[in-house]
Amino acid sequence: NQSFARWMNHFFLNLIINTIFSFILIFLLYFIIRKSPKKWWLICSLFIIPFALFLQIIKPLWIDPLYNDFHPMANKQLEEKILILAKKAGIEKSPIYEVNKSADTRTMNAYVIGAFQSKRIVLWDTIIAGLTEEELLFTVAHEMGHYVLHHVFIGIIVSFGLMFFTLFFVFHIAKFLIRLFAHRFNFSALDDIASFPLLFVLYTFFSCLSTPLWNSYSQWKEKEADRFGLELTHSNHAAATGFIKFLDTNLGYPFPGKTYMFMRATHPSIGERIEFFNTYHPWNEGEKEKYKKYFK
């Protein structure tokens, strides 16, 4: 839905923000390499934890509003129902914001973001317009599940583990390649900024190798958030019909195949999720609900 002027505005915003962060990260990387040439990979791995927390705090407050207008929900009755659901999920005093994403896209989304004082529930105006009330409440319950189950913080720890092994291999393979090809690289140590292309290529390669591990974790947490949302709302039918609408507006594919799911997908396939919505209802069989202990 973007106009050309809006697209250009976002393009240059991305360029400026990414350039600033890239310069800061590259400066810190070579500063750490020069201070600790043998342990820089470990220090950089540990650095991802405070950096990710920092982004969780500043992104909703300072970065996201540069792209779209965030404002209180216009539908106060719906807002009250979301607040009641949030209270039931144990998320007290969470502000709810509506954002004008229809200026950019037809796709629909909602999320819980932030940490500490920056915590907030965000709804795109497209999802408010595109889903029924029951479908929307399930979607919000799913996003609340991510927050209540600490998926953001678990994800930071998983990212640290993947970064640890990625940089470990980058460090050792880079040393090996420098010993072999220093005369062709025209640098003999990683603390030379000329080593950046080598580090970048190796990092990209080993990141690709670790992608299936991250995808497996991400698909697991999405399914658990689905489970949380169903147990919080008991809205199986609304969950399924809502995701059919996601499939349509987001141009999704219901069953993209195992190779795609392994290498590319961070979420379970929509077809698989709809099947789960239609079959998971332990409250009807008198079975124990996994996350009911979190509800108030």
Protein backbone atom coordinates (compact mmCIF):
# COMPACT_ATOMS: atom_id res chain seq x y z
CA ASN A 1 0.00 0.00 0.00
CA GLN A 2 2.98 2.33 0.24
CA SER A 3 3.28 5.43 -1.87
CA PHE A 4 6.64 5.95 -3.55
CA ALA A 5 7.41 8.87 -1.20
CA ARG A 6 6.65 6.76 1.86
CA TRP A 7 8.75 3.89 0.51
CA MET A 8 11.69 6.26 -0.04
CA ASN A 9 11.28 7.69 3.44
CA HIS A 10 11.45 4.22 4.99
CA PHE A 11 14.34 3.25 2.72
CA PHE A 12 16.49 6.15 3.92
CA LEU A 13 15.45 5.62 7.55
CA ASN A 14 16.62 2.00 7.26
CA LEU A 15 19.83 3.12 5.60
CA ILE A 16 20.63 5.65 8.34
CA ILE A 17 19.74 3.37 11.26
CA ASN A 18 21.53 0.33 9.82
CA THR A 19 24.61 2.39 8.95
CA ILE A 20 24.85 3.83 12.46
CA PHE A 21 24.44 0.41 14.11
CA SER A 22 26.86 -1.20 11.64
CA PHE A 23 29.60 1.33 12.34
CA ILE A 24 29.11 0.96 16.09
CA LEU A 25 29.22 -2.86 15.91
CA ILE A 26 32.26 -2.95 13.59
CA PHE A 27 34.09 -0.46 15.80
CA LEU A 28 33.32 -2.55 18.91
CA LEU A 29 34.30 -5.77 17.12
CA TYR A 30 37.78 -4.52 16.19
CA PHE A 31 38.24 -2.79 19.53
CA ILE A 32 37.59 -6.15 21.26
CA ILE A 33 39.79 -8.06 18.80
CA ARG A 34 42.70 -5.69 19.47
CA LYS A 35 42.25 -5.82 23.24
CA SER A 36 41.80 -9.60 23.37
CA PRO A 37 43.01 -11.28 20.16
CA LYS A 38 42.56 -14.81 21.56
CA LYS A 39 39.23 -14.43 23.40
CA TRP A 40 37.41 -11.83 21.28
CA TRP A 41 34.97 -14.43 19.96
CA LEU A 42 33.85 -15.30 23.51
CA ILE A 43 33.52 -11.66 24.56
CA CYS A 44 31.50 -10.85 21.44
CA SER A 45 29.22 -13.83 22.14
CA LEU A 46 28.56 -12.57 25.66
CA PHE A 47 27.96 -9.07 24.30
CA ILE A 48 24.84 -10.26 22.46
CA ILE A 49 22.93 -10.61 25.76
CA PRO A 50 23.05 -6.94 26.90
CA PHE A 51 22.78 -5.77 23.28
CA ALA A 52 19.58 -7.77 22.69
CA LEU A 53 18.09 -6.51 25.98
CA PHE A 54 19.02 -2.96 24.99
CA LEU A 55 17.20 -3.35 21.67
CA GLN A 56 14.13 -4.79 23.42
CA ILE A 57 13.96 -1.65 25.56
CA ILE A 58 14.72 1.05 22.97
CA LYS A 59 13.06 -0.41 19.86
CA PRO A 60 9.42 0.19 20.90
CA LEU A 61 10.24 3.61 22.39
CA TRP A 62 12.61 5.16 19.86
CA ILE A 63 12.89 3.14 16.63
CA ASP A 64 9.39 1.86 15.77
CA PRO A 65 7.73 5.31 16.07
CA LEU A 66 10.07 6.61 13.36
CA TYR A 67 8.17 4.50 10.81
CA ASN A 68 4.54 4.57 11.94
CA ASP A 69 2.18 6.43 14.23
CA PHE A 70 1.41 4.65 17.49
CA HIS A 71 -1.68 5.81 19.37
CA PRO A 72 -4.18 4.49 21.93
CA MET A 73 -6.84 2.13 20.60
CA ALA A 74 -9.89 3.83 19.14
CA ASN A 75 -12.21 0.92 20.04
CA LYS A 76 -12.34 1.23 23.82
CA GLN A 77 -14.66 -1.76 24.28
CA LEU A 78 -12.20 -4.01 22.47
CA GLU A 79 -9.34 -2.47 24.42
CA GLU A 80 -11.12 -3.31 27.68
CA LYS A 81 -11.57 -6.94 26.61
CA ILE A 82 -7.85 -7.18 25.74
CA LEU A 83 -6.94 -5.70 29.13
CA ILE A 84 -9.16 -8.28 30.87
CA LEU A 85 -7.43 -11.02 28.86
CA ALA A 86 -4.01 -9.56 29.74
CA LYS A 87 -4.93 -9.52 33.43
CA LYS A 88 -6.00 -13.16 33.20
CA ALA A 89 -2.64 -13.97 31.56
CA GLY A 90 -0.77 -12.22 34.37
CA ILE A 91 0.37 -9.23 32.29
CA GLU A 92 -0.64 -6.32 34.49
CA LYS A 93 -0.75 -2.69 33.37
CA SER A 94 0.30 -3.29 29.79
CA PRO A 95 -0.47 -0.30 27.56
CA ILE A 96 -2.14 -1.15 24.24
CA TYR A 97 -1.23 0.72 21.07
CA GLU A 98 -2.78 0.76 17.63
CA VAL A 99 -0.44 1.44 14.70
CA ASN A 100 -1.32 2.65 11.19
CA LYS A 101 0.26 -0.21 9.21
CA SER A 102 -2.47 0.02 6.55
CA ALA A 103 -0.40 2.87 5.12
CA ASP A 104 2.21 0.21 4.24
CA THR A 105 0.57 -3.18 3.79
CA ARG A 106 -2.52 -5.40 3.78
CA THR A 107 -0.81 -7.96 6.02
CA MET A 108 -1.98 -8.35 9.62
CA ASN A 109 0.01 -8.62 12.82
CA ALA A 110 -0.03 -8.09 16.57
CA TYR A 111 2.76 -8.45 19.12
CA VAL A 112 3.88 -7.90 22.67
CA ILE A 113 7.22 -6.14 22.77
CA GLY A 114 9.59 -4.42 25.16
CA ALA A 115 10.90 -5.08 28.62
CA PHE A 116 10.33 -3.44 31.97
CA GLN A 117 8.84 0.04 31.44
CA SER A 118 8.80 -0.27 27.62
CA LYS A 119 6.50 -3.33 27.66
CA ARG A 120 3.46 -2.89 25.42
CA ILE A 121 0.82 -4.69 23.35
CA VAL A 122 0.74 -3.49 19.74
CA LEU A 123 -2.05 -4.10 17.20
CA TRP A 124 -1.80 -3.20 13.53
CA ASP A 125 -4.92 -1.40 12.30
CA THR A 126 -5.13 -4.04 9.56
CA ILE A 127 -5.68 -6.82 12.10
CA ILE A 128 -8.33 -4.81 13.94
CA ALA A 129 -10.19 -4.31 10.66
CA GLY A 130 -9.56 -7.79 9.25
CA LEU A 131 -10.40 -10.17 12.13
CA THR A 132 -13.50 -10.73 14.19
CA GLU A 133 -13.30 -9.87 17.86
CA GLU A 134 -12.87 -13.52 18.92
CA GLU A 135 -10.19 -14.12 16.26
CA LEU A 136 -8.33 -11.01 17.37
CA LEU A 137 -8.47 -11.96 21.06
CA PHE A 138 -6.92 -15.36 20.29
CA THR A 139 -4.14 -13.72 18.27
CA VAL A 140 -3.40 -11.33 21.13
CA ALA A 141 -3.49 -14.25 23.59
CA HIS A 142 -0.88 -16.02 21.43
CA GLU A 143 1.38 -12.94 21.62
CA MET A 144 0.84 -12.71 25.37
CA GLY A 145 2.03 -16.31 25.55
CA HIS A 146 5.42 -15.27 24.18
CA TYR A 147 5.75 -12.69 26.94
CA VAL A 148 4.45 -14.81 29.84
CA LEU A 149 6.57 -17.82 28.80
CA HIS A 150 9.69 -15.61 28.56
CA HIS A 151 10.33 -16.54 24.94
CA VAL A 152 12.20 -13.29 24.31
CA PHE A 153 14.70 -13.99 27.08
CA ILE A 154 15.00 -17.68 26.21
CA GLY A 155 15.61 -16.58 22.61
CA ILE A 156 18.44 -14.33 23.79
CA ILE A 157 20.07 -17.30 25.53
CA VAL A 158 19.62 -19.49 22.43
CA SER A 159 21.11 -16.68 20.32
CA PHE A 160 24.09 -16.54 22.67
CA GLY A 161 24.66 -20.29 22.28
CA LEU A 162 24.47 -20.12 18.49
CA MET A 163 26.68 -17.02 18.40
CA PHE A 164 29.21 -18.73 20.71
CA PHE A 165 29.71 -21.68 18.36
CA THR A 166 29.50 -19.53 15.21
CA LEU A 167 32.23 -17.14 16.36
CA PHE A 168 34.29 -20.02 17.75
CA PHE A 169 34.45 -21.59 14.30
CA VAL A 170 34.95 -18.20 12.62
CA PHE A 171 37.93 -17.53 14.89
CA HIS A 172 39.67 -20.86 14.27
CA ILE A 173 38.93 -21.11 10.54
CA ALA A 174 40.03 -17.49 10.02
CA LYS A 175 43.33 -18.19 11.79
CA PHE A 176 43.87 -21.25 9.63
CA LEU A 177 43.12 -19.37 6.40
CA ILE A 178 45.38 -16.46 7.36
CA ARG A 179 48.26 -18.87 7.95
CA LEU A 180 47.72 -20.35 4.49
CA PHE A 181 46.96 -17.22 2.49
CA ALA A 182 48.41 -14.23 4.38
CA HIS A 183 50.54 -13.36 1.36
CA ARG A 184 47.42 -13.14 -0.80
CA PHE A 185 45.16 -11.51 1.78
CA ASN A 186 47.74 -8.77 2.46
CA PHE A 187 47.04 -8.95 6.18
CA SER A 188 48.46 -11.26 8.80
CA ALA A 189 46.14 -10.77 11.78
CA LEU A 190 42.43 -10.33 12.43
CA ASP A 191 42.92 -6.98 14.15
CA ASP A 192 43.55 -5.46 10.68
CA ILE A 193 40.32 -3.92 9.34
CA ALA A 194 41.19 -5.53 6.00
CA SER A 195 40.11 -8.84 7.59
CA PHE A 196 36.48 -7.72 7.68
CA PRO A 197 35.45 -9.37 4.36
CA LEU A 198 36.94 -12.67 5.57
CA LEU A 199 35.11 -12.43 8.89
CA PHE A 200 31.89 -11.47 7.12
CA VAL A 201 32.02 -14.42 4.70
CA LEU A 202 32.86 -16.92 7.45
CA TYR A 203 30.20 -15.53 9.78
CA THR A 204 27.60 -15.73 7.02
CA PHE A 205 28.58 -19.31 6.18
CA PHE A 206 28.42 -20.62 9.77
CA SER A 207 25.25 -18.61 10.46
CA CYS A 208 23.62 -20.42 7.54
CA LEU A 209 24.67 -23.75 9.05
CA SER A 210 23.09 -22.79 12.38
CA THR A 211 19.86 -21.49 10.81
CA PRO A 212 17.99 -24.85 11.06
CA LEU A 213 18.70 -24.94 14.80
CA TRP A 214 17.26 -21.45 15.27
CA ASN A 215 14.28 -22.36 13.08
CA SER A 216 13.58 -25.45 15.18
CA TYR A 217 13.62 -23.40 18.38
CA SER A 218 11.49 -20.66 16.84
CA GLN A 219 8.88 -23.13 15.53
CA TRP A 220 8.71 -24.74 18.98
CA LYS A 221 8.08 -21.44 20.77
CA GLU A 222 5.41 -20.46 18.25
CA LYS A 223 3.57 -23.73 18.82
CA GLU A 224 3.77 -23.25 22.59
CA ALA A 225 2.41 -19.72 22.22
CA ASP A 226 -0.45 -21.20 20.17
CA ARG A 227 -1.08 -23.68 22.98
CA PHE A 228 -1.03 -20.85 25.53
CA GLY A 229 -3.49 -18.81 23.45
CA LEU A 230 -5.90 -21.73 23.10
CA GLU A 231 -5.79 -22.52 26.81
CA LEU A 232 -6.33 -18.86 27.67
CA THR A 233 -9.30 -18.36 25.33
CA HIS A 234 -10.65 -21.85 24.41
CA SER A 235 -11.34 -20.29 20.99
CA ASN A 236 -10.38 -23.17 18.69
CA HIS A 237 -12.69 -22.27 15.83
CA ALA A 238 -11.82 -18.56 15.92
CA ALA A 239 -8.10 -19.40 15.96
CA ALA A 240 -8.49 -21.54 12.83
CA THR A 241 -10.64 -19.06 10.91
CA GLY A 242 -8.34 -16.20 11.89
CA PHE A 243 -5.33 -18.01 10.50
CA ILE A 244 -7.16 -18.72 7.24
CA LYS A 245 -7.43 -14.94 6.92
CA PHE A 246 -3.71 -14.62 7.73
CA LEU A 247 -3.05 -17.15 4.96
CA ASP A 248 -4.95 -14.99 2.50
CA THR A 249 -3.77 -11.48 3.39
CA ASN A 250 -0.13 -12.48 4.07
CA LEU A 251 0.03 -14.55 0.86
CA GLY A 252 1.01 -17.63 2.82
CA TYR A 253 1.25 -21.25 1.69
CA PRO A 254 -0.43 -23.84 3.94
CA PHE A 255 2.12 -26.67 3.66
CA PRO A 256 5.41 -25.43 2.12
CA GLY A 257 7.30 -28.73 2.54
CA LYS A 258 9.95 -30.14 4.84
CA THR A 259 13.00 -28.58 3.15
CA TYR A 260 11.54 -25.08 3.37
CA MET A 261 10.45 -25.63 6.96
CA PHE A 262 13.93 -26.87 7.87
CA MET A 263 15.94 -24.13 6.19
CA ARG A 264 13.68 -21.08 6.06
CA ALA A 265 10.63 -21.19 8.34
CA THR A 266 10.63 -19.58 11.78
CA HIS A 267 6.96 -20.52 12.34
CA PRO A 268 5.11 -23.81 11.93
CA SER A 269 3.24 -23.96 8.64
CA ILE A 270 -0.19 -22.34 8.75
CA GLY A 271 -1.77 -25.62 7.66
CA GLU A 272 -0.14 -27.42 10.59
CA ARG A 273 -1.24 -24.68 12.98
CA ILE A 274 -4.85 -24.81 11.80
CA GLU A 275 -4.84 -28.59 12.31
CA PHE A 276 -3.51 -28.02 15.84
CA PHE A 277 -6.25 -25.45 16.54
CA ASN A 278 -8.90 -27.92 15.44
CA THR A 279 -7.62 -30.81 17.56
CA TYR A 280 -6.14 -29.34 20.76
CA HIS A 281 -8.84 -28.98 23.43
CA PRO A 282 -7.82 -30.87 26.59
CA TRP A 283 -10.53 -29.03 28.57
CA ASN A 284 -13.15 -30.97 26.58
CA GLU A 285 -11.52 -34.32 27.45
CA GLY A 286 -10.95 -33.51 31.11
CA GLU A 287 -7.19 -33.49 30.58
CA LYS A 288 -4.69 -31.17 32.24
CA GLU A 289 -3.92 -27.86 30.52
CA LYS A 290 -0.17 -27.19 30.30
CA TYR A 291 -0.20 -23.46 31.01
CA LYS A 292 -3.29 -23.00 33.17
CA LYS A 293 -1.02 -22.44 36.18
CA TYR A 294 -0.09 -19.03 34.75
CA PHE A 295 -3.67 -17.78 34.58
CA LYS A 296 -5.26 -15.59 37.23
